[in-house]
């Protein structure tokens, strides 16, 4: 019985079970060629985005990506303000950081462009930011970098929730370099 390959779904005949089937050019060749070509188009776009040539190997692509994306989590301590900054350290200088917290009665998200600004939005658990914003605000945070841009620190003078630092809450982040 024919099957599909696990990664890009190429059509694959079973030489024993399908031995007496007719050879179908569309199914057995053309659809597979189209799938391979589409996959190469995606790789070409990735190579271009990474500043690589179209002849870059998979190893070169992985090397270019390596260390440019980081994800993790931390637990809030309940402090805020310029004397109680939060900080994250990466193996690269991030260009964008997104931090989220989903607590039982609200959700927070902060987006930071290190050394430029950070802003956050708070919603109730319904997730409808337009009609259910807690205290009806979007806030700004102050961010800075050190260690060649690899350590990013931030604070909010409004409160621990706006600093993404409520005691005991879990926060999840992704950084892109």
N, C-alpha and C. Protein backbone atom coordinates (compact mmCIF):
# COMPACT_ATOMS: atom_id res chain seq x y z
N UNK A 1 0.83 -1.18 0.00
CA UNK A 1 0.00 0.00 0.00
C UNK A 1 0.88 1.25 0.00
N UNK A 2 0.54 2.20 -0.79
CA UNK A 2 1.31 3.44 -0.89
C UNK A 2 1.22 4.22 0.41
N UNK A 3 2.25 5.04 0.65
CA UNK A 3 2.28 5.88 1.85
C UNK A 3 2.87 7.24 1.47
N UNK A 4 2.91 8.14 2.45
CA UNK A 4 3.51 9.46 2.26
C UNK A 4 4.73 9.56 3.16
N UNK A 5 5.76 10.25 2.68
CA UNK A 5 6.94 10.46 3.51
C UNK A 5 6.58 11.38 4.67
N UNK A 6 7.21 11.22 5.82
CA UNK A 6 6.79 11.95 7.02
C UNK A 6 7.07 13.45 7.03
N UNK A 7 8.07 13.92 6.30
CA UNK A 7 8.44 15.34 6.42
C UNK A 7 7.72 16.26 5.44
N UNK A 8 7.68 15.91 4.17
CA UNK A 8 7.02 16.81 3.21
C UNK A 8 5.95 16.11 2.40
N UNK A 9 5.58 14.88 2.79
CA UNK A 9 4.44 14.21 2.18
C UNK A 9 4.62 13.76 0.76
N UNK A 10 5.82 13.29 0.41
CA UNK A 10 6.02 12.74 -0.93
C UNK A 10 5.34 11.38 -1.04
N UNK A 11 4.73 11.14 -2.19
CA UNK A 11 4.03 9.88 -2.46
C UNK A 11 5.04 8.77 -2.66
N UNK A 12 4.83 7.65 -1.97
CA UNK A 12 5.81 6.57 -1.98
C UNK A 12 5.09 5.23 -2.14
N UNK A 13 5.36 4.54 -3.22
CA UNK A 13 4.76 3.23 -3.49
C UNK A 13 5.48 2.14 -2.73
N UNK A 14 4.73 1.12 -2.34
CA UNK A 14 5.31 -0.08 -1.72
C UNK A 14 5.62 -1.05 -2.85
N UNK A 15 6.90 -1.42 -3.04
CA UNK A 15 7.27 -2.26 -4.18
C UNK A 15 6.62 -3.63 -4.17
N UNK A 16 6.23 -4.13 -3.03
CA UNK A 16 5.59 -5.46 -2.97
C UNK A 16 4.08 -5.32 -3.13
N UNK A 17 3.46 -4.55 -2.26
CA UNK A 17 1.99 -4.42 -2.26
C UNK A 17 1.47 -3.75 -3.52
N UNK A 18 2.22 -2.83 -4.09
CA UNK A 18 1.77 -2.07 -5.26
C UNK A 18 2.45 -2.50 -6.55
N UNK A 19 3.03 -3.68 -6.55
CA UNK A 19 3.82 -4.14 -7.70
C UNK A 19 3.04 -4.20 -9.00
N UNK A 20 1.75 -4.46 -8.94
CA UNK A 20 0.95 -4.61 -10.16
C UNK A 20 0.20 -3.34 -10.55
N UNK A 21 0.40 -2.24 -9.82
CA UNK A 21 -0.27 -0.97 -10.16
C UNK A 21 0.35 -0.38 -11.41
N UNK A 22 -0.47 0.39 -12.13
CA UNK A 22 0.04 1.13 -13.29
C UNK A 22 0.86 2.32 -12.79
N UNK A 23 1.81 2.74 -13.58
CA UNK A 23 2.62 3.89 -13.25
C UNK A 23 1.85 5.15 -13.60
N UNK A 24 1.55 5.98 -12.59
CA UNK A 24 0.79 7.20 -12.79
C UNK A 24 1.77 8.38 -12.69
N UNK A 25 2.03 9.01 -13.82
CA UNK A 25 3.02 10.09 -13.85
C UNK A 25 2.63 11.24 -12.92
N UNK A 26 1.36 11.62 -12.90
CA UNK A 26 0.93 12.73 -12.05
C UNK A 26 1.15 12.41 -10.58
N UNK A 27 0.66 11.25 -10.14
CA UNK A 27 0.76 10.89 -8.73
C UNK A 27 2.18 10.55 -8.31
N UNK A 28 2.85 9.76 -9.12
CA UNK A 28 4.15 9.22 -8.72
C UNK A 28 5.32 10.14 -9.00
N UNK A 29 5.16 11.09 -9.90
CA UNK A 29 6.27 12.00 -10.21
C UNK A 29 5.91 13.47 -10.02
N UNK A 30 4.94 13.95 -10.79
CA UNK A 30 4.67 15.38 -10.84
C UNK A 30 4.29 15.98 -9.49
N UNK A 31 3.40 15.31 -8.74
CA UNK A 31 3.01 15.84 -7.43
C UNK A 31 4.21 15.88 -6.49
N UNK A 32 5.06 14.86 -6.58
CA UNK A 32 6.27 14.86 -5.75
C UNK A 32 7.22 15.98 -6.15
N UNK A 33 7.38 16.21 -7.47
CA UNK A 33 8.25 17.30 -7.93
C UNK A 33 7.71 18.65 -7.43
N UNK A 34 6.38 18.83 -7.50
CA UNK A 34 5.78 20.08 -7.02
C UNK A 34 6.03 20.29 -5.53
N UNK A 35 5.90 19.21 -4.75
CA UNK A 35 6.15 19.31 -3.31
C UNK A 35 7.60 19.68 -3.03
N UNK A 36 8.53 19.08 -3.75
CA UNK A 36 9.94 19.41 -3.56
C UNK A 36 10.24 20.85 -3.96
N UNK A 37 9.64 21.29 -5.06
CA UNK A 37 9.86 22.65 -5.52
C UNK A 37 9.31 23.66 -4.51
N UNK A 38 8.13 23.40 -3.97
CA UNK A 38 7.53 24.27 -2.97
C UNK A 38 8.42 24.35 -1.73
N UNK A 39 8.93 23.20 -1.33
CA UNK A 39 9.82 23.16 -0.17
C UNK A 39 11.09 23.98 -0.42
N UNK A 40 11.64 23.89 -1.63
CA UNK A 40 12.83 24.67 -1.98
C UNK A 40 12.52 26.16 -1.98
N UNK A 41 11.29 26.53 -2.39
CA UNK A 41 10.89 27.94 -2.35
C UNK A 41 10.91 28.48 -0.94
N UNK A 42 10.45 27.68 0.01
CA UNK A 42 10.47 28.09 1.42
C UNK A 42 11.91 28.23 1.91
N UNK A 43 12.77 27.30 1.51
CA UNK A 43 14.18 27.38 1.90
C UNK A 43 14.85 28.60 1.28
N UNK A 44 14.49 28.92 0.04
CA UNK A 44 15.06 30.10 -0.61
C UNK A 44 14.67 31.37 0.15
N UNK A 45 13.41 31.46 0.58
CA UNK A 45 12.97 32.63 1.35
C UNK A 45 13.72 32.72 2.68
N UNK A 46 13.93 31.58 3.33
CA UNK A 46 14.67 31.56 4.58
C UNK A 46 16.12 31.99 4.36
N UNK A 47 16.73 31.49 3.30
CA UNK A 47 18.12 31.88 2.99
C UNK A 47 18.22 33.39 2.77
N UNK A 48 17.28 33.95 2.03
CA UNK A 48 17.28 35.38 1.77
C UNK A 48 17.13 36.16 3.07
N UNK A 49 16.19 35.75 3.93
CA UNK A 49 15.96 36.44 5.20
C UNK A 49 17.20 36.41 6.09
N UNK A 50 17.99 35.35 5.98
CA UNK A 50 19.20 35.22 6.79
C UNK A 50 20.42 35.85 6.13
N UNK A 51 20.24 36.40 4.93
CA UNK A 51 21.34 37.02 4.22
C UNK A 51 22.30 36.02 3.59
N UNK A 52 21.80 34.82 3.30
CA UNK A 52 22.62 33.78 2.69
C UNK A 52 22.30 33.66 1.21
N UNK A 53 23.19 33.06 0.45
CA UNK A 53 22.93 32.83 -0.97
C UNK A 53 22.02 31.62 -1.13
N UNK A 54 21.41 31.49 -2.30
CA UNK A 54 20.53 30.35 -2.56
C UNK A 54 21.27 29.02 -2.59
N UNK A 55 22.59 29.06 -2.64
CA UNK A 55 23.35 27.81 -2.63
C UNK A 55 23.78 27.42 -1.22
N UNK A 56 23.35 28.19 -0.21
CA UNK A 56 23.73 27.88 1.17
C UNK A 56 23.19 26.50 1.56
N UNK A 57 24.02 25.75 2.23
CA UNK A 57 23.64 24.40 2.67
C UNK A 57 22.78 24.47 3.92
N UNK A 58 22.16 23.35 4.24
CA UNK A 58 21.37 23.28 5.46
C UNK A 58 22.24 23.58 6.67
N UNK A 59 23.46 23.09 6.69
CA UNK A 59 24.37 23.36 7.80
C UNK A 59 24.62 24.87 7.93
N UNK A 60 24.78 25.58 6.81
CA UNK A 60 24.98 27.02 6.86
C UNK A 60 23.74 27.75 7.36
N UNK A 61 22.56 27.26 6.96
CA UNK A 61 21.31 27.85 7.44
C UNK A 61 21.20 27.68 8.95
N UNK A 62 21.45 26.48 9.44
CA UNK A 62 21.35 26.23 10.88
C UNK A 62 22.38 27.04 11.66
N UNK A 63 23.55 27.22 11.11
CA UNK A 63 24.57 28.04 11.76
C UNK A 63 24.10 29.49 11.85
N UNK A 64 23.48 30.00 10.79
CA UNK A 64 22.99 31.38 10.79
C UNK A 64 21.85 31.57 11.80
N UNK A 65 21.01 30.56 11.96
CA UNK A 65 19.89 30.65 12.90
C UNK A 65 20.34 30.42 14.33
N UNK A 66 21.34 29.57 14.52
CA UNK A 66 21.77 29.15 15.85
C UNK A 66 22.02 30.36 16.76
N UNK A 67 21.37 30.33 17.91
CA UNK A 67 21.59 31.38 18.89
C UNK A 67 20.84 32.66 18.62
N UNK A 68 19.99 32.71 17.62
CA UNK A 68 19.27 33.94 17.29
C UNK A 68 17.85 33.95 17.83
N UNK A 69 17.41 32.82 18.39
CA UNK A 69 16.09 32.73 19.00
C UNK A 69 16.25 32.05 20.34
N UNK A 70 15.67 32.62 21.38
CA UNK A 70 15.73 32.02 22.70
C UNK A 70 14.35 32.10 23.33
N UNK A 71 14.02 31.12 24.12
CA UNK A 71 12.74 31.11 24.83
C UNK A 71 12.99 30.58 26.24
N UNK A 72 12.16 30.99 27.15
CA UNK A 72 12.30 30.51 28.52
C UNK A 72 11.20 31.06 29.40
N UNK A 73 11.41 30.94 30.69
CA UNK A 73 10.41 31.41 31.64
C UNK A 73 11.11 31.88 32.92
N UNK A 74 10.38 32.65 33.71
CA UNK A 74 10.86 33.06 35.03
C UNK A 74 9.64 33.23 35.93
N UNK A 75 9.87 33.29 37.23
CA UNK A 75 8.80 33.48 38.21
C UNK A 75 8.95 34.87 38.81
N UNK A 76 7.83 35.59 38.87
CA UNK A 76 7.85 36.95 39.40
C UNK A 76 8.21 36.99 40.87
N UNK A 77 8.83 38.13 41.28
CA UNK A 77 9.26 38.30 42.67
C UNK A 77 8.40 39.31 43.43
N UNK A 78 7.54 40.07 42.72
CA UNK A 78 6.66 41.02 43.38
C UNK A 78 7.21 42.42 43.52
N UNK A 79 8.36 42.71 42.94
CA UNK A 79 8.94 44.05 43.05
C UNK A 79 8.76 44.82 41.76
N UNK A 80 8.95 46.13 41.84
CA UNK A 80 8.91 46.97 40.65
C UNK A 80 9.68 48.25 40.92
N UNK A 81 9.89 49.03 39.87
CA UNK A 81 10.56 50.32 39.99
C UNK A 81 12.02 50.27 39.58
N UNK A 82 12.61 51.46 39.47
CA UNK A 82 13.98 51.57 38.95
C UNK A 82 15.00 50.89 39.85
N UNK A 83 14.71 50.72 41.12
CA UNK A 83 15.64 50.03 42.02
C UNK A 83 15.45 48.53 42.06
N UNK A 84 14.47 48.02 41.31
CA UNK A 84 14.15 46.60 41.31
C UNK A 84 13.92 46.10 39.89
N UNK A 85 14.90 46.30 39.03
CA UNK A 85 14.73 45.94 37.63
C UNK A 85 14.67 44.43 37.43
N UNK A 86 13.98 44.04 36.39
CA UNK A 86 14.03 42.66 35.90
C UNK A 86 15.10 42.62 34.82
N UNK A 87 15.72 41.46 34.62
CA UNK A 87 16.68 41.36 33.53
C UNK A 87 16.73 39.92 33.02
N UNK A 88 17.04 39.81 31.76
CA UNK A 88 17.26 38.53 31.09
C UNK A 88 18.57 38.62 30.33
N UNK A 89 19.35 37.55 30.34
CA UNK A 89 20.62 37.52 29.62
C UNK A 89 20.56 36.43 28.56
N UNK A 90 21.02 36.76 27.36
CA UNK A 90 20.98 35.86 26.22
C UNK A 90 22.38 35.65 25.67
N UNK A 91 22.54 34.69 24.78
CA UNK A 91 23.84 34.45 24.14
C UNK A 91 24.01 35.34 22.91
N UNK A 92 23.05 36.20 22.64
CA UNK A 92 23.08 37.14 21.51
C UNK A 92 22.38 38.41 21.95
N UNK A 93 22.51 39.45 21.17
CA UNK A 93 21.83 40.72 21.47
C UNK A 93 20.45 40.70 20.80
N UNK A 94 19.38 40.54 21.57
CA UNK A 94 18.05 40.45 20.94
C UNK A 94 17.58 41.78 20.36
N UNK A 95 16.80 41.67 19.31
CA UNK A 95 16.21 42.85 18.68
C UNK A 95 14.75 43.02 19.10
N UNK A 96 14.14 41.92 19.58
CA UNK A 96 12.74 41.94 20.00
C UNK A 96 12.56 40.90 21.09
N UNK A 97 11.83 41.28 22.16
CA UNK A 97 11.49 40.35 23.23
C UNK A 97 10.00 40.45 23.50
N UNK A 98 9.35 39.32 23.61
CA UNK A 98 7.93 39.26 23.95
C UNK A 98 7.81 38.45 25.23
N UNK A 99 7.13 39.00 26.23
CA UNK A 99 6.91 38.32 27.50
C UNK A 99 5.41 38.23 27.72
N UNK A 100 4.93 37.06 28.13
CA UNK A 100 3.51 36.90 28.42
C UNK A 100 3.31 36.29 29.80
N UNK A 101 2.17 36.58 30.39
CA UNK A 101 1.74 35.98 31.64
C UNK A 101 0.25 35.78 31.55
N UNK A 102 -0.19 34.59 31.84
CA UNK A 102 -1.62 34.32 31.89
C UNK A 102 -1.93 33.88 33.32
N UNK A 103 -2.46 34.79 34.09
CA UNK A 103 -2.85 34.49 35.46
C UNK A 103 -4.31 34.07 35.47
N UNK A 104 -4.85 33.80 36.63
CA UNK A 104 -6.23 33.31 36.70
C UNK A 104 -7.26 34.34 36.30
N UNK A 105 -7.01 35.62 36.53
CA UNK A 105 -8.03 36.61 36.23
C UNK A 105 -7.61 37.64 35.18
N UNK A 106 -6.43 37.53 34.66
CA UNK A 106 -5.98 38.50 33.66
C UNK A 106 -4.86 37.90 32.82
N UNK A 107 -4.56 38.58 31.74
CA UNK A 107 -3.43 38.20 30.89
C UNK A 107 -2.62 39.46 30.60
N UNK A 108 -1.32 39.32 30.60
CA UNK A 108 -0.43 40.43 30.30
C UNK A 108 0.50 40.04 29.17
N UNK A 109 0.87 41.00 28.38
CA UNK A 109 1.88 40.79 27.37
C UNK A 109 2.73 42.06 27.30
N UNK A 110 4.03 41.88 27.23
CA UNK A 110 4.93 43.02 27.05
C UNK A 110 5.77 42.76 25.81
N UNK A 111 5.94 43.78 25.01
CA UNK A 111 6.80 43.71 23.83
C UNK A 111 7.90 44.74 24.04
N UNK A 112 9.15 44.30 23.91
CA UNK A 112 10.28 45.21 24.10
C UNK A 112 11.18 45.23 22.88
N UNK A 113 11.60 46.42 22.53
CA UNK A 113 12.68 46.61 21.58
C UNK A 113 13.81 47.14 22.45
N UNK A 114 14.77 46.27 22.80
CA UNK A 114 15.79 46.66 23.77
C UNK A 114 16.46 47.99 23.45
N UNK A 115 16.72 48.76 24.48
CA UNK A 115 17.34 50.08 24.43
C UNK A 115 16.45 51.12 23.79
N UNK A 116 15.27 50.75 23.37
CA UNK A 116 14.36 51.72 22.78
C UNK A 116 13.16 51.90 23.69
N UNK A 117 12.31 50.90 23.76
CA UNK A 117 11.12 51.02 24.59
C UNK A 117 10.51 49.65 24.82
N UNK A 118 9.63 49.61 25.77
CA UNK A 118 8.81 48.44 26.00
C UNK A 118 7.40 48.92 26.25
N UNK A 119 6.43 48.16 25.80
CA UNK A 119 5.06 48.51 26.12
C UNK A 119 4.30 47.23 26.42
N UNK A 120 3.27 47.36 27.19
CA UNK A 120 2.49 46.19 27.56
C UNK A 120 1.02 46.47 27.46
N UNK A 121 0.26 45.39 27.45
CA UNK A 121 -1.20 45.49 27.42
C UNK A 121 -1.74 44.47 28.41
N UNK A 122 -2.79 44.84 29.10
CA UNK A 122 -3.38 43.96 30.10
C UNK A 122 -4.84 43.73 29.75
N UNK A 123 -5.27 42.48 29.81
CA UNK A 123 -6.67 42.16 29.52
C UNK A 123 -7.22 41.26 30.61
N UNK A 124 -8.53 41.17 30.68
CA UNK A 124 -9.14 40.23 31.60
C UNK A 124 -9.05 38.84 31.00
N UNK A 125 -9.50 37.85 31.73
CA UNK A 125 -9.37 36.47 31.26
C UNK A 125 -10.20 36.20 30.00
N UNK A 126 -11.16 37.07 29.67
CA UNK A 126 -11.93 36.87 28.45
C UNK A 126 -11.09 37.15 27.22
N UNK A 127 -9.98 37.88 27.38
CA UNK A 127 -9.09 38.16 26.27
C UNK A 127 -9.58 39.24 25.33
N UNK A 128 -10.64 39.95 25.67
CA UNK A 128 -11.18 40.99 24.81
C UNK A 128 -10.55 42.32 25.20
N UNK A 129 -9.44 42.66 24.58
CA UNK A 129 -8.71 43.86 24.95
C UNK A 129 -9.51 45.13 24.70
N UNK A 130 -10.40 45.11 23.73
CA UNK A 130 -11.15 46.32 23.39
C UNK A 130 -12.14 46.71 24.48
N UNK A 131 -12.77 45.73 25.13
CA UNK A 131 -13.81 46.08 26.08
C UNK A 131 -13.50 45.70 27.52
N UNK A 132 -12.47 44.93 27.76
CA UNK A 132 -12.24 44.43 29.12
C UNK A 132 -10.84 44.72 29.64
N UNK A 133 -10.27 45.85 29.33
CA UNK A 133 -8.92 46.12 29.82
C UNK A 133 -8.95 46.43 31.30
N UNK A 134 -8.05 45.81 32.06
CA UNK A 134 -7.95 46.10 33.48
C UNK A 134 -7.50 47.55 33.62
N UNK A 135 -8.26 48.32 34.36
CA UNK A 135 -7.96 49.73 34.56
C UNK A 135 -7.84 50.49 33.24
N UNK A 136 -8.15 49.86 32.12
CA UNK A 136 -8.17 50.51 30.82
C UNK A 136 -6.86 51.12 30.39
N UNK A 137 -5.76 50.37 30.46
CA UNK A 137 -4.50 51.01 30.09
C UNK A 137 -3.57 50.13 29.27
N UNK A 138 -2.74 50.81 28.57
CA UNK A 138 -1.55 50.25 27.94
C UNK A 138 -0.42 51.02 28.62
N UNK A 139 0.63 50.34 29.02
CA UNK A 139 1.69 51.02 29.76
C UNK A 139 3.02 50.95 29.04
N UNK A 140 3.91 51.84 29.44
CA UNK A 140 5.27 51.86 28.91
C UNK A 140 6.22 51.39 30.01
N UNK A 141 7.28 50.75 29.61
CA UNK A 141 8.34 50.34 30.54
C UNK A 141 9.65 50.89 30.03
N UNK A 142 10.56 51.10 30.93
CA UNK A 142 11.88 51.60 30.56
C UNK A 142 12.82 50.41 30.43
N UNK A 143 13.52 50.31 29.31
CA UNK A 143 14.44 49.18 29.11
C UNK A 143 15.84 49.70 28.81
N UNK A 144 16.83 48.87 29.11
CA UNK A 144 18.22 49.20 28.82
C UNK A 144 18.97 47.89 28.56
N UNK A 145 20.17 48.00 28.00
CA UNK A 145 20.96 46.81 27.73
C UNK A 145 22.36 46.98 28.31
N UNK A 146 23.02 45.85 28.51
CA UNK A 146 24.42 45.84 28.94
C UNK A 146 25.06 44.57 28.39
N UNK A 147 26.35 44.43 28.62
CA UNK A 147 27.03 43.22 28.15
C UNK A 147 26.97 43.06 26.65
N UNK A 148 27.19 44.15 25.92
CA UNK A 148 27.13 44.07 24.46
C UNK A 148 25.71 43.86 23.95
N UNK A 149 24.73 44.27 24.73
CA UNK A 149 23.33 44.13 24.32
C UNK A 149 22.74 42.77 24.67
N UNK A 150 23.52 41.89 25.29
CA UNK A 150 23.04 40.54 25.58
C UNK A 150 22.20 40.46 26.86
N UNK A 151 22.35 41.43 27.74
CA UNK A 151 21.52 41.49 28.94
C UNK A 151 20.54 42.64 28.79
N UNK A 152 19.27 42.35 28.92
CA UNK A 152 18.21 43.35 28.79
C UNK A 152 17.53 43.50 30.14
N UNK A 153 17.43 44.74 30.61
CA UNK A 153 16.79 45.04 31.89
C UNK A 153 15.62 45.98 31.65
N UNK A 154 14.62 45.90 32.53
CA UNK A 154 13.47 46.78 32.39
C UNK A 154 12.81 46.99 33.74
N UNK A 155 12.03 48.08 33.82
CA UNK A 155 11.24 48.33 35.02
C UNK A 155 10.04 49.17 34.66
N UNK A 156 9.07 49.15 35.56
CA UNK A 156 7.91 50.02 35.46
C UNK A 156 7.72 50.68 36.81
N UNK A 157 7.43 51.96 36.81
CA UNK A 157 7.18 52.66 38.08
C UNK A 157 5.72 52.55 38.49
N UNK A 158 4.89 51.93 37.65
CA UNK A 158 3.47 51.81 37.96
C UNK A 158 3.21 50.69 38.97
N UNK A 159 3.73 49.49 38.71
CA UNK A 159 3.49 48.39 39.63
C UNK A 159 4.13 47.10 39.15
N UNK A 160 4.07 46.07 40.00
CA UNK A 160 4.70 44.80 39.65
C UNK A 160 4.01 44.12 38.47
N UNK A 161 2.71 44.30 38.33
CA UNK A 161 1.99 43.71 37.20
C UNK A 161 2.49 44.30 35.89
N UNK A 162 2.69 45.61 35.86
CA UNK A 162 3.16 46.28 34.65
C UNK A 162 4.63 45.99 34.37
N UNK A 163 5.38 45.60 35.39
CA UNK A 163 6.78 45.23 35.20
C UNK A 163 6.91 43.75 34.85
N UNK A 164 5.79 43.06 34.75
CA UNK A 164 5.79 41.62 34.48
C UNK A 164 6.56 40.91 35.59
N UNK A 165 6.14 41.17 36.85
CA UNK A 165 6.89 40.66 37.98
C UNK A 165 6.03 40.41 39.22
N UNK A 166 4.77 40.00 39.03
CA UNK A 166 3.90 39.70 40.16
C UNK A 166 4.44 38.46 40.87
N UNK A 167 4.52 38.53 42.18
CA UNK A 167 5.10 37.45 42.97
C UNK A 167 4.39 36.11 42.70
N UNK A 168 5.18 35.11 42.34
CA UNK A 168 4.65 33.76 42.13
C UNK A 168 4.09 33.50 40.74
N UNK A 169 3.85 34.54 39.94
CA UNK A 169 3.33 34.32 38.58
C UNK A 169 4.43 33.79 37.67
N UNK A 170 4.04 32.93 36.75
CA UNK A 170 4.97 32.41 35.74
C UNK A 170 4.91 33.30 34.51
N UNK A 171 6.07 33.67 34.02
CA UNK A 171 6.20 34.50 32.83
C UNK A 171 6.98 33.73 31.78
N UNK A 172 6.54 33.83 30.53
CA UNK A 172 7.18 33.12 29.42
C UNK A 172 7.63 34.13 28.39
N UNK A 173 8.83 33.94 27.87
CA UNK A 173 9.38 34.91 26.93
C UNK A 173 9.98 34.22 25.71
N UNK A 174 10.05 35.01 24.64
CA UNK A 174 10.80 34.62 23.45
C UNK A 174 11.58 35.86 23.02
N UNK A 175 12.83 35.64 22.64
CA UNK A 175 13.68 36.73 22.19
C UNK A 175 14.19 36.38 20.80
N UNK A 176 14.22 37.37 19.94
CA UNK A 176 14.66 37.17 18.56
C UNK A 176 15.80 38.14 18.29
N UNK A 177 16.90 37.61 17.76
CA UNK A 177 18.10 38.42 17.51
C UNK A 177 18.25 38.81 16.08
